[in-house]
Full PDB file with SEQRES, HELIX, SHEET, SSBOND, CRYST1, ORIGX, SCALE, CONECT and MASTER records, all heavy atoms in Angstrom:
SEQRES   1 A   35  LYS LEU TRP PRO HIS GLY LEU ALA LEU GLY PRO LEU HIS          
SEQRES   2 A   35  PHE VAL ALA ASP ARG THR ASP LEU ALA CYS LEU PRO ALA          
SEQRES   3 A   35  LEU ALA ILE ALA TRP TRP ILE GLY ALA                          
HELIX    1 AA1 ARG A   18  ALA A   26  5                                   9    
HELIX    2 AA2 LEU A   27  GLY A   34  1                                   8    
SHEET    1 AA1 2 LEU A   7  LEU A   9  0                                        
SHEET    2 AA1 2 LEU A  12  PHE A  14 -1                                        
CRYST1    1.000    1.000    1.000  90.00  90.00  90.00 P 1           1          
ORIGX1      1.000000  0.000000  0.000000        0.00000                         
ORIGX2      0.000000  1.000000  0.000000        0.00000                         
ORIGX3      0.000000  0.000000  1.000000        0.00000                         
SCALE1      1.000000  0.000000  0.000000        0.00000                         
SCALE2      0.000000  1.000000  0.000000        0.00000                         
SCALE3      0.000000  0.000000  1.000000        0.00000                         
ATOM      1  N   LYS A   1       1.506  -4.957  -3.319  1.00  0.00           N  
ATOM      2  CA  LYS A   1       2.792  -4.456  -3.767  1.00  0.00           C  
ATOM      3  C   LYS A   1       3.768  -5.535  -4.113  1.00  0.00           C  
ATOM      4  O   LYS A   1       4.710  -5.310  -4.889  1.00  0.00           O  
ATOM      5  CB  LYS A   1       3.376  -3.502  -2.733  1.00  0.00           C  
ATOM      6  CG  LYS A   1       2.532  -2.236  -2.506  1.00  0.00           C  
ATOM      7  CD  LYS A   1       2.350  -1.501  -3.823  1.00  0.00           C  
ATOM      8  CE  LYS A   1       1.519  -0.275  -3.686  1.00  0.00           C  
ATOM      9  NZ  LYS A   1       1.479   0.489  -4.964  1.00  0.00           N  
ATOM     10  N   LEU A   2       3.579  -6.714  -3.596  1.00  0.00           N  
ATOM     11  CA  LEU A   2       4.480  -7.834  -3.891  1.00  0.00           C  
ATOM     12  C   LEU A   2       3.947  -8.740  -4.974  1.00  0.00           C  
ATOM     13  O   LEU A   2       4.666  -9.583  -5.503  1.00  0.00           O  
ATOM     14  CB  LEU A   2       4.729  -8.673  -2.610  1.00  0.00           C  
ATOM     15  CG  LEU A   2       5.505  -7.907  -1.520  1.00  0.00           C  
ATOM     16  CD1 LEU A   2       5.552  -8.725  -0.254  1.00  0.00           C  
ATOM     17  CD2 LEU A   2       6.918  -7.586  -1.975  1.00  0.00           C  
ATOM     18  N   TRP A   3       2.656  -8.578  -5.330  1.00  0.00           N  
ATOM     19  CA  TRP A   3       2.058  -9.414  -6.391  1.00  0.00           C  
ATOM     20  C   TRP A   3       2.731  -9.055  -7.707  1.00  0.00           C  
ATOM     21  O   TRP A   3       2.771  -7.857  -8.040  1.00  0.00           O  
ATOM     22  CB  TRP A   3       0.539  -9.175  -6.435  1.00  0.00           C  
ATOM     23  CG  TRP A   3      -0.179 -10.120  -7.315  1.00  0.00           C  
ATOM     24  CD1 TRP A   3      -0.659  -9.835  -8.597  1.00  0.00           C  
ATOM     25  CD2 TRP A   3      -0.511 -11.457  -7.048  1.00  0.00           C  
ATOM     26  NE1 TRP A   3      -1.276 -10.933  -9.072  1.00  0.00           N  
ATOM     27  CE2 TRP A   3      -1.238 -11.929  -8.136  1.00  0.00           C  
ATOM     28  CE3 TRP A   3      -0.328 -12.252  -5.926  1.00  0.00           C  
ATOM     29  CZ2 TRP A   3      -1.716 -13.252  -8.204  1.00  0.00           C  
ATOM     30  CZ3 TRP A   3      -0.825 -13.577  -5.961  1.00  0.00           C  
ATOM     31  CH2 TRP A   3      -1.539 -14.047  -7.091  1.00  0.00           C  
ATOM     32  N   PRO A   4       3.243 -10.004  -8.440  1.00  0.00           N  
ATOM     33  CA  PRO A   4       4.045  -9.711  -9.648  1.00  0.00           C  
ATOM     34  C   PRO A   4       3.376  -8.808 -10.703  1.00  0.00           C  
ATOM     35  O   PRO A   4       4.051  -8.072 -11.381  1.00  0.00           O  
ATOM     36  CB  PRO A   4       4.395 -11.087 -10.222  1.00  0.00           C  
ATOM     37  CG  PRO A   4       4.132 -12.047  -9.145  1.00  0.00           C  
ATOM     38  CD  PRO A   4       3.154 -11.404  -8.202  1.00  0.00           C  
ATOM     39  N   HIS A   5       2.080  -8.935 -10.840  1.00  0.00           N  
ATOM     40  CA  HIS A   5       1.388  -8.201 -11.933  1.00  0.00           C  
ATOM     41  C   HIS A   5       0.531  -7.007 -11.374  1.00  0.00           C  
ATOM     42  O   HIS A   5      -0.156  -6.441 -12.147  1.00  0.00           O  
ATOM     43  CB  HIS A   5       0.501  -9.157 -12.681  1.00  0.00           C  
ATOM     44  CG  HIS A   5       1.221 -10.307 -13.214  1.00  0.00           C  
ATOM     45  ND1 HIS A   5       2.212 -10.216 -14.176  1.00  0.00           N  
ATOM     46  CD2 HIS A   5       1.224 -11.634 -12.844  1.00  0.00           C  
ATOM     47  CE1 HIS A   5       2.716 -11.419 -14.407  1.00  0.00           C  
ATOM     48  NE2 HIS A   5       2.131 -12.305 -13.622  1.00  0.00           N  
ATOM     49  N   GLY A   6       0.664  -6.674 -10.141  1.00  0.00           N  
ATOM     50  CA  GLY A   6      -0.193  -5.638  -9.571  1.00  0.00           C  
ATOM     51  C   GLY A   6      -1.608  -6.129  -9.506  1.00  0.00           C  
ATOM     52  O   GLY A   6      -1.893  -7.304  -9.516  1.00  0.00           O  
ATOM     53  N   LEU A   7      -2.522  -5.182  -9.384  1.00  0.00           N  
ATOM     54  CA  LEU A   7      -3.942  -5.519  -9.181  1.00  0.00           C  
ATOM     55  C   LEU A   7      -4.824  -4.409  -9.757  1.00  0.00           C  
ATOM     56  O   LEU A   7      -4.525  -3.224  -9.550  1.00  0.00           O  
ATOM     57  CB  LEU A   7      -4.240  -5.743  -7.709  1.00  0.00           C  
ATOM     58  CG  LEU A   7      -5.635  -6.176  -7.303  1.00  0.00           C  
ATOM     59  CD1 LEU A   7      -5.963  -7.574  -7.807  1.00  0.00           C  
ATOM     60  CD2 LEU A   7      -5.790  -6.122  -5.796  1.00  0.00           C  
ATOM     61  N   ALA A   8      -5.886  -4.778 -10.421  1.00  0.00           N  
ATOM     62  CA  ALA A   8      -6.863  -3.819 -10.921  1.00  0.00           C  
ATOM     63  C   ALA A   8      -8.223  -4.210 -10.341  1.00  0.00           C  
ATOM     64  O   ALA A   8      -8.656  -5.322 -10.447  1.00  0.00           O  
ATOM     65  CB  ALA A   8      -6.877  -3.788 -12.408  1.00  0.00           C  
ATOM     66  N   LEU A   9      -8.867  -3.229  -9.684  1.00  0.00           N  
ATOM     67  CA  LEU A   9     -10.205  -3.416  -9.153  1.00  0.00           C  
ATOM     68  C   LEU A   9     -11.047  -2.295  -9.742  1.00  0.00           C  
ATOM     69  O   LEU A   9     -11.137  -1.222  -9.207  1.00  0.00           O  
ATOM     70  CB  LEU A   9     -10.171  -3.320  -7.633  1.00  0.00           C  
ATOM     71  CG  LEU A   9      -9.372  -4.327  -6.890  1.00  0.00           C  
ATOM     72  CD1 LEU A   9      -9.289  -3.998  -5.376  1.00  0.00           C  
ATOM     73  CD2 LEU A   9      -9.971  -5.728  -7.071  1.00  0.00           C  
ATOM     74  N   GLY A  10     -11.727  -2.608 -10.860  1.00  0.00           N  
ATOM     75  CA  GLY A  10     -12.509  -1.577 -11.517  1.00  0.00           C  
ATOM     76  C   GLY A  10     -11.626  -0.434 -11.987  1.00  0.00           C  
ATOM     77  O   GLY A  10     -10.597  -0.686 -12.637  1.00  0.00           O  
ATOM     78  N   PRO A  11     -11.919   0.778 -11.558  1.00  0.00           N  
ATOM     79  CA  PRO A  11     -11.112   1.930 -12.024  1.00  0.00           C  
ATOM     80  C   PRO A  11      -9.797   2.069 -11.202  1.00  0.00           C  
ATOM     81  O   PRO A  11      -8.961   2.873 -11.552  1.00  0.00           O  
ATOM     82  CB  PRO A  11     -12.034   3.147 -11.737  1.00  0.00           C  
ATOM     83  CG  PRO A  11     -12.899   2.661 -10.616  1.00  0.00           C  
ATOM     84  CD  PRO A  11     -13.112   1.211 -10.822  1.00  0.00           C  
ATOM     85  N   LEU A  12      -9.648   1.295 -10.150  1.00  0.00           N  
ATOM     86  CA  LEU A  12      -8.456   1.394  -9.351  1.00  0.00           C  
ATOM     87  C   LEU A  12      -7.389   0.429  -9.878  1.00  0.00           C  
ATOM     88  O   LEU A  12      -7.665  -0.729 -10.055  1.00  0.00           O  
ATOM     89  CB  LEU A  12      -8.774   1.011  -7.857  1.00  0.00           C  
ATOM     90  CG  LEU A  12      -9.844   1.885  -7.153  1.00  0.00           C  
ATOM     91  CD1 LEU A  12     -10.106   1.306  -5.847  1.00  0.00           C  
ATOM     92  CD2 LEU A  12      -9.365   3.323  -7.094  1.00  0.00           C  
ATOM     93  N   HIS A  13      -6.190   0.988 -10.023  1.00  0.00           N  
ATOM     94  CA  HIS A  13      -5.076   0.157 -10.528  1.00  0.00           C  
ATOM     95  C   HIS A  13      -3.936   0.302  -9.540  1.00  0.00           C  
ATOM     96  O   HIS A  13      -3.484   1.369  -9.238  1.00  0.00           O  
ATOM     97  CB  HIS A  13      -4.634   0.636 -11.915  1.00  0.00           C  
ATOM     98  CG  HIS A  13      -5.694   0.513 -12.934  1.00  0.00           C  
ATOM     99  ND1 HIS A  13      -5.974  -0.668 -13.569  1.00  0.00           N  
ATOM    100  CD2 HIS A  13      -6.588   1.388 -13.421  1.00  0.00           C  
ATOM    101  CE1 HIS A  13      -6.933  -0.487 -14.435  1.00  0.00           C  
ATOM    102  NE2 HIS A  13      -7.386   0.748 -14.341  1.00  0.00           N  
ATOM    103  N   PHE A  14      -3.523  -0.884  -9.025  1.00  0.00           N  
ATOM    104  CA  PHE A  14      -2.441  -0.921  -8.072  1.00  0.00           C  
ATOM    105  C   PHE A  14      -1.199  -1.551  -8.780  1.00  0.00           C  
ATOM    106  O   PHE A  14      -1.317  -2.613  -9.336  1.00  0.00           O  
ATOM    107  CB  PHE A  14      -2.826  -1.727  -6.850  1.00  0.00           C  
ATOM    108  CG  PHE A  14      -4.032  -1.209  -6.180  1.00  0.00           C  
ATOM    109  CD1 PHE A  14      -5.307  -1.717  -6.397  1.00  0.00           C  
ATOM    110  CD2 PHE A  14      -3.907  -0.194  -5.209  1.00  0.00           C  
ATOM    111  CE1 PHE A  14      -6.407  -1.231  -5.790  1.00  0.00           C  
ATOM    112  CE2 PHE A  14      -5.011   0.290  -4.557  1.00  0.00           C  
ATOM    113  CZ  PHE A  14      -6.287  -0.221  -4.866  1.00  0.00           C  
ATOM    114  N   VAL A  15      -0.072  -0.880  -8.695  1.00  0.00           N  
ATOM    115  CA  VAL A  15       1.139  -1.291  -9.363  1.00  0.00           C  
ATOM    116  C   VAL A  15       2.002  -2.047  -8.341  1.00  0.00           C  
ATOM    117  O   VAL A  15       2.222  -1.615  -7.221  1.00  0.00           O  
ATOM    118  CB  VAL A  15       1.890  -0.092  -9.961  1.00  0.00           C  
ATOM    119  CG1 VAL A  15       3.181  -0.514 -10.586  1.00  0.00           C  
ATOM    120  CG2 VAL A  15       1.020   0.671 -10.914  1.00  0.00           C  
ATOM    121  N   ALA A  16       2.521  -3.210  -8.804  1.00  0.00           N  
ATOM    122  CA  ALA A  16       3.463  -3.957  -7.937  1.00  0.00           C  
ATOM    123  C   ALA A  16       4.754  -3.159  -7.859  1.00  0.00           C  
ATOM    124  O   ALA A  16       5.304  -2.804  -8.893  1.00  0.00           O  
ATOM    125  CB  ALA A  16       3.711  -5.342  -8.514  1.00  0.00           C  
ATOM    126  N   ASP A  17       5.229  -2.867  -6.655  1.00  0.00           N  
ATOM    127  CA  ASP A  17       6.478  -2.116  -6.482  1.00  0.00           C  
ATOM    128  C   ASP A  17       6.927  -2.331  -5.060  1.00  0.00           C  
ATOM    129  O   ASP A  17       6.387  -1.783  -4.090  1.00  0.00           O  
ATOM    130  CB  ASP A  17       6.229  -0.626  -6.749  1.00  0.00           C  
ATOM    131  CG  ASP A  17       7.491   0.216  -6.616  1.00  0.00           C  
ATOM    132  OD1 ASP A  17       8.558  -0.355  -6.200  1.00  0.00           O  
ATOM    133  OD2 ASP A  17       7.413   1.396  -6.916  1.00  0.00           O  
ATOM    134  N   ARG A  18       7.929  -3.203  -4.939  1.00  0.00           N  
ATOM    135  CA  ARG A  18       8.465  -3.525  -3.594  1.00  0.00           C  
ATOM    136  C   ARG A  18       8.947  -2.267  -2.853  1.00  0.00           C  
ATOM    137  O   ARG A  18       8.914  -2.268  -1.607  1.00  0.00           O  
ATOM    138  CB  ARG A  18       9.622  -4.520  -3.724  1.00  0.00           C  
ATOM    139  CG  ARG A  18       9.198  -5.900  -4.214  1.00  0.00           C  
ATOM    140  CD  ARG A  18      10.385  -6.794  -4.384  1.00  0.00           C  
ATOM    141  NE  ARG A  18      10.008  -8.052  -4.978  1.00  0.00           N  
ATOM    142  CZ  ARG A  18       9.626  -9.118  -4.292  1.00  0.00           C  
ATOM    143  NH1 ARG A  18       9.620  -9.065  -3.001  1.00  0.00           N  
ATOM    144  NH2 ARG A  18       9.291 -10.204  -4.906  1.00  0.00           N  
ATOM    145  N   THR A  19       9.380  -1.265  -3.544  1.00  0.00           N  
ATOM    146  CA  THR A  19       9.900  -0.077  -2.842  1.00  0.00           C  
ATOM    147  C   THR A  19       8.780   0.650  -2.115  1.00  0.00           C  
ATOM    148  O   THR A  19       9.050   1.395  -1.174  1.00  0.00           O  
ATOM    149  CB  THR A  19      10.574   0.916  -3.801  1.00  0.00           C  
ATOM    150  OG1 THR A  19       9.640   1.436  -4.699  1.00  0.00           O  
ATOM    151  CG2 THR A  19      11.717   0.221  -4.603  1.00  0.00           C  
ATOM    152  N   ASP A  20       7.552   0.439  -2.483  1.00  0.00           N  
ATOM    153  CA  ASP A  20       6.413   1.020  -1.806  1.00  0.00           C  
ATOM    154  C   ASP A  20       6.237   0.523  -0.347  1.00  0.00           C  
ATOM    155  O   ASP A  20       5.618   1.129   0.512  1.00  0.00           O  
ATOM    156  CB  ASP A  20       5.109   0.818  -2.557  1.00  0.00           C  
ATOM    157  CG  ASP A  20       5.027   1.646  -3.821  1.00  0.00           C  
ATOM    158  OD1 ASP A  20       5.864   2.565  -3.980  1.00  0.00           O  
ATOM    159  OD2 ASP A  20       4.215   1.318  -4.712  1.00  0.00           O  
ATOM    160  N   LEU A  21       6.839  -0.636  -0.094  1.00  0.00           N  
ATOM    161  CA  LEU A  21       6.782  -1.163   1.319  1.00  0.00           C  
ATOM    162  C   LEU A  21       7.443  -0.233   2.295  1.00  0.00           C  
ATOM    163  O   LEU A  21       7.163  -0.266   3.506  1.00  0.00           O  
ATOM    164  CB  LEU A  21       7.399  -2.589   1.361  1.00  0.00           C  
ATOM    165  CG  LEU A  21       6.723  -3.628   0.513  1.00  0.00           C  
ATOM    166  CD1 LEU A  21       7.477  -4.949   0.636  1.00  0.00           C  
ATOM    167  CD2 LEU A  21       5.254  -3.791   0.844  1.00  0.00           C  
ATOM    168  N   ALA A  22       8.293   0.668   1.783  1.00  0.00           N  
ATOM    169  CA  ALA A  22       8.934   1.658   2.663  1.00  0.00           C  
ATOM    170  C   ALA A  22       7.911   2.616   3.253  1.00  0.00           C  
ATOM    171  O   ALA A  22       8.214   3.335   4.184  1.00  0.00           O  
ATOM    172  CB  ALA A  22       9.985   2.449   1.883  1.00  0.00           C  
ATOM    173  N   CYS A  23       6.717   2.631   2.681  1.00  0.00           N  
ATOM    174  CA  CYS A  23       5.635   3.529   3.150  1.00  0.00           C  
ATOM    175  C   CYS A  23       4.851   2.912   4.350  1.00  0.00           C  
ATOM    176  O   CYS A  23       4.051   3.618   4.985  1.00  0.00           O  
ATOM    177  CB  CYS A  23       4.652   3.849   2.050  1.00  0.00           C  
ATOM    178  SG  CYS A  23       5.411   4.733   0.659  1.00  0.00           S  
ATOM    179  N   LEU A  24       5.065   1.672   4.671  1.00  0.00           N  
ATOM    180  CA  LEU A  24       4.339   1.008   5.727  1.00  0.00           C  
ATOM    181  C   LEU A  24       4.381   1.706   7.095  1.00  0.00           C  
ATOM    182  O   LEU A  24       3.432   1.677   7.823  1.00  0.00           O  
ATOM    183  CB  LEU A  24       4.713  -0.464   5.872  1.00  0.00           C  
ATOM    184  CG  LEU A  24       4.192  -1.383   4.768  1.00  0.00           C  
ATOM    185  CD1 LEU A  24       4.823  -2.753   4.835  1.00  0.00           C  
ATOM    186  CD2 LEU A  24       2.689  -1.498   4.929  1.00  0.00           C  
ATOM    187  N   PRO A  25       5.512   2.377   7.423  1.00  0.00           N  
ATOM    188  CA  PRO A  25       5.515   3.153   8.721  1.00  0.00           C  
ATOM    189  C   PRO A  25       4.376   4.167   8.811  1.00  0.00           C  
ATOM    190  O   PRO A  25       4.065   4.615   9.916  1.00  0.00           O  
ATOM    191  CB  PRO A  25       6.881   3.778   8.735  1.00  0.00           C  
ATOM    192  CG  PRO A  25       7.737   2.787   7.974  1.00  0.00           C  
ATOM    193  CD  PRO A  25       6.849   2.343   6.813  1.00  0.00           C  
ATOM    194  N   ALA A  26       3.777   4.599   7.699  1.00  0.00           N  
ATOM    195  CA  ALA A  26       2.639   5.511   7.753  1.00  0.00           C  
ATOM    196  C   ALA A  26       1.452   4.963   8.547  1.00  0.00           C  
ATOM    197  O   ALA A  26       0.627   5.685   9.088  1.00  0.00           O  
ATOM    198  CB  ALA A  26       2.193   5.891   6.337  1.00  0.00           C  
ATOM    199  N   LEU A  27       1.482   3.625   8.750  1.00  0.00           N  
ATOM    200  CA  LEU A  27       0.387   2.984   9.529  1.00  0.00           C  
ATOM    201  C   LEU A  27       0.498   3.444  11.008  1.00  0.00           C  
ATOM    202  O   LEU A  27      -0.488   3.453  11.703  1.00  0.00           O  
ATOM    203  CB  LEU A  27       0.504   1.443   9.464  1.00  0.00           C  
ATOM    204  CG  LEU A  27       0.133   0.859   8.075  1.00  0.00           C  
ATOM    205  CD1 LEU A  27       0.517  -0.641   8.078  1.00  0.00           C  
ATOM    206  CD2 LEU A  27      -1.351   1.049   7.829  1.00  0.00           C  
ATOM    207  N   ALA A  28       1.676   3.917  11.412  1.00  0.00           N  
ATOM    208  CA  ALA A  28       1.814   4.450  12.789  1.00  0.00           C  
ATOM    209  C   ALA A  28       0.958   5.718  12.939  1.00  0.00           C  
ATOM    210  O   ALA A  28       0.434   5.982  14.073  1.00  0.00           O  
ATOM    211  CB  ALA A  28       3.266   4.773  13.076  1.00  0.00           C  
ATOM    212  N   ILE A  29       0.806   6.488  11.878  1.00  0.00           N  
ATOM    213  CA  ILE A  29      -0.070   7.643  11.963  1.00  0.00           C  
ATOM    214  C   ILE A  29      -1.534   7.206  12.139  1.00  0.00           C  
ATOM    215  O   ILE A  29      -2.284   7.830  12.910  1.00  0.00           O  
ATOM    216  CB  ILE A  29       0.097   8.568  10.726  1.00  0.00           C  
ATOM    217  CG1 ILE A  29       1.577   9.029  10.572  1.00  0.00           C  
ATOM    218  CG2 ILE A  29      -0.858   9.744  10.751  1.00  0.00           C  
ATOM    219  CD1 ILE A  29       1.856   9.701   9.317  1.00  0.00           C  
ATOM    220  N   ALA A  30      -1.924   6.156  11.449  1.00  0.00           N  
ATOM    221  CA  ALA A  30      -3.278   5.613  11.615  1.00  0.00           C  
ATOM    222  C   ALA A  30      -3.481   5.183  13.052  1.00  0.00           C  
ATOM    223  O   ALA A  30      -4.509   5.403  13.648  1.00  0.00           O  
ATOM    224  CB  ALA A  30      -3.532   4.468  10.677  1.00  0.00           C  
ATOM    225  N   TRP A  31      -2.450   4.555  13.659  1.00  0.00           N  
ATOM    226  CA  TRP A  31      -2.548   4.147  15.058  1.00  0.00           C  
ATOM    227  C   TRP A  31      -2.710   5.373  15.955  1.00  0.00           C  
ATOM    228  O   TRP A  31      -3.517   5.391  16.873  1.00  0.00           O  
ATOM    229  CB  TRP A  31      -1.320   3.335  15.483  1.00  0.00           C  
ATOM    230  CG  TRP A  31      -1.401   2.979  16.955  1.00  0.00           C  
ATOM    231  CD1 TRP A  31      -0.786   3.617  17.991  1.00  0.00           C  
ATOM    232  CD2 TRP A  31      -2.150   1.941  17.506  1.00  0.00           C  
ATOM    233  NE1 TRP A  31      -1.147   3.018  19.181  1.00  0.00           N  
ATOM    234  CE2 TRP A  31      -1.979   1.946  18.895  1.00  0.00           C  
ATOM    235  CE3 TRP A  31      -2.988   0.973  16.994  1.00  0.00           C  
ATOM    236  CZ2 TRP A  31      -2.595   1.105  19.759  1.00  0.00           C  
ATOM    237  CZ3 TRP A  31      -3.618   0.062  17.824  1.00  0.00           C  
ATOM    238  CH2 TRP A  31      -3.419   0.136  19.191  1.00  0.00           C  
ATOM    239  N   TRP A  32      -1.922   6.443  15.672  1.00  0.00           N  
ATOM    240  CA  TRP A  32      -2.039   7.654  16.486  1.00  0.00           C  
ATOM    241  C   TRP A  32      -3.430   8.290  16.381  1.00  0.00           C  
ATOM    242  O   TRP A  32      -3.947   8.713  17.383  1.00  0.00           O  
ATOM    243  CB  TRP A  32      -0.943   8.633  16.004  1.00  0.00           C  
ATOM    244  CG  TRP A  32      -1.000   9.949  16.717  1.00  0.00           C  
ATOM    245  CD1 TRP A  32      -0.564  10.241  17.964  1.00  0.00           C  
ATOM    246  CD2 TRP A  32      -1.612  11.151  16.200  1.00  0.00           C  
ATOM    247  NE1 TRP A  32      -0.819  11.574  18.257  1.00  0.00           N  
ATOM    248  CE2 TRP A  32      -1.462  12.184  17.203  1.00  0.00           C  
ATOM    249  CE3 TRP A  32      -2.233  11.455  14.995  1.00  0.00           C  
ATOM    250  CZ2 TRP A  32      -1.941  13.412  16.956  1.00  0.00           C  
ATOM    251  CZ3 TRP A  32      -2.686  12.776  14.811  1.00  0.00           C  
ATOM    252  CH2 TRP A  32      -2.549  13.732  15.820  1.00  0.00           C  
ATOM    253  N   ILE A  33      -3.987   8.272  15.186  1.00  0.00           N  
ATOM    254  CA  ILE A  33      -5.353   8.813  14.980  1.00  0.00           C  
ATOM    255  C   ILE A  33      -6.313   7.979  15.789  1.00  0.00           C  
ATOM    256  O   ILE A  33      -7.178   8.554  16.489  1.00  0.00           O  
ATOM    257  CB  ILE A  33      -5.693   8.814  13.497  1.00  0.00           C  
ATOM    258  CG1 ILE A  33      -4.894   9.860  12.712  1.00  0.00           C  
ATOM    259  CG2 ILE A  33      -7.183   9.086  13.309  1.00  0.00           C  
ATOM    260  CD1 ILE A  33      -4.981   9.744  11.186  1.00  0.00           C  
ATOM    261  N   GLY A  34      -6.216   6.699  15.668  1.00  0.00           N  
ATOM    262  CA  GLY A  34      -7.097   5.792  16.443  1.00  0.00           C  
ATOM    263  C   GLY A  34      -6.957   5.897  17.908  1.00  0.00           C  
ATOM    264  O   GLY A  34      -7.952   5.897  18.640  1.00  0.00           O  
ATOM    265  N   ALA A  35      -5.696   6.045  18.376  1.00  0.00           N  
ATOM    266  CA  ALA A  35      -5.483   6.182  19.778  1.00  0.00           C  
ATOM    267  C   ALA A  35      -6.077   7.537  20.275  1.00  0.00           C  
ATOM    268  O   ALA A  35      -6.616   7.561  21.406  1.00  0.00           O  
ATOM    269  CB  ALA A  35      -3.966   6.140  20.100  1.00  0.00           C  
TER     270      ALA A  35                                                      
MASTER        0    0    0    2    2    0    0    6  269    1    0    3          
END                                                                             
């Protein structure tokens, strides 16, 4: 998300967008699932 040009891996295209970092708290749900 911080890489200036985004990233493309085959059919997957990731767009650089610093505002997406606001989604990082969703990792807490992954922790809850794992716990």
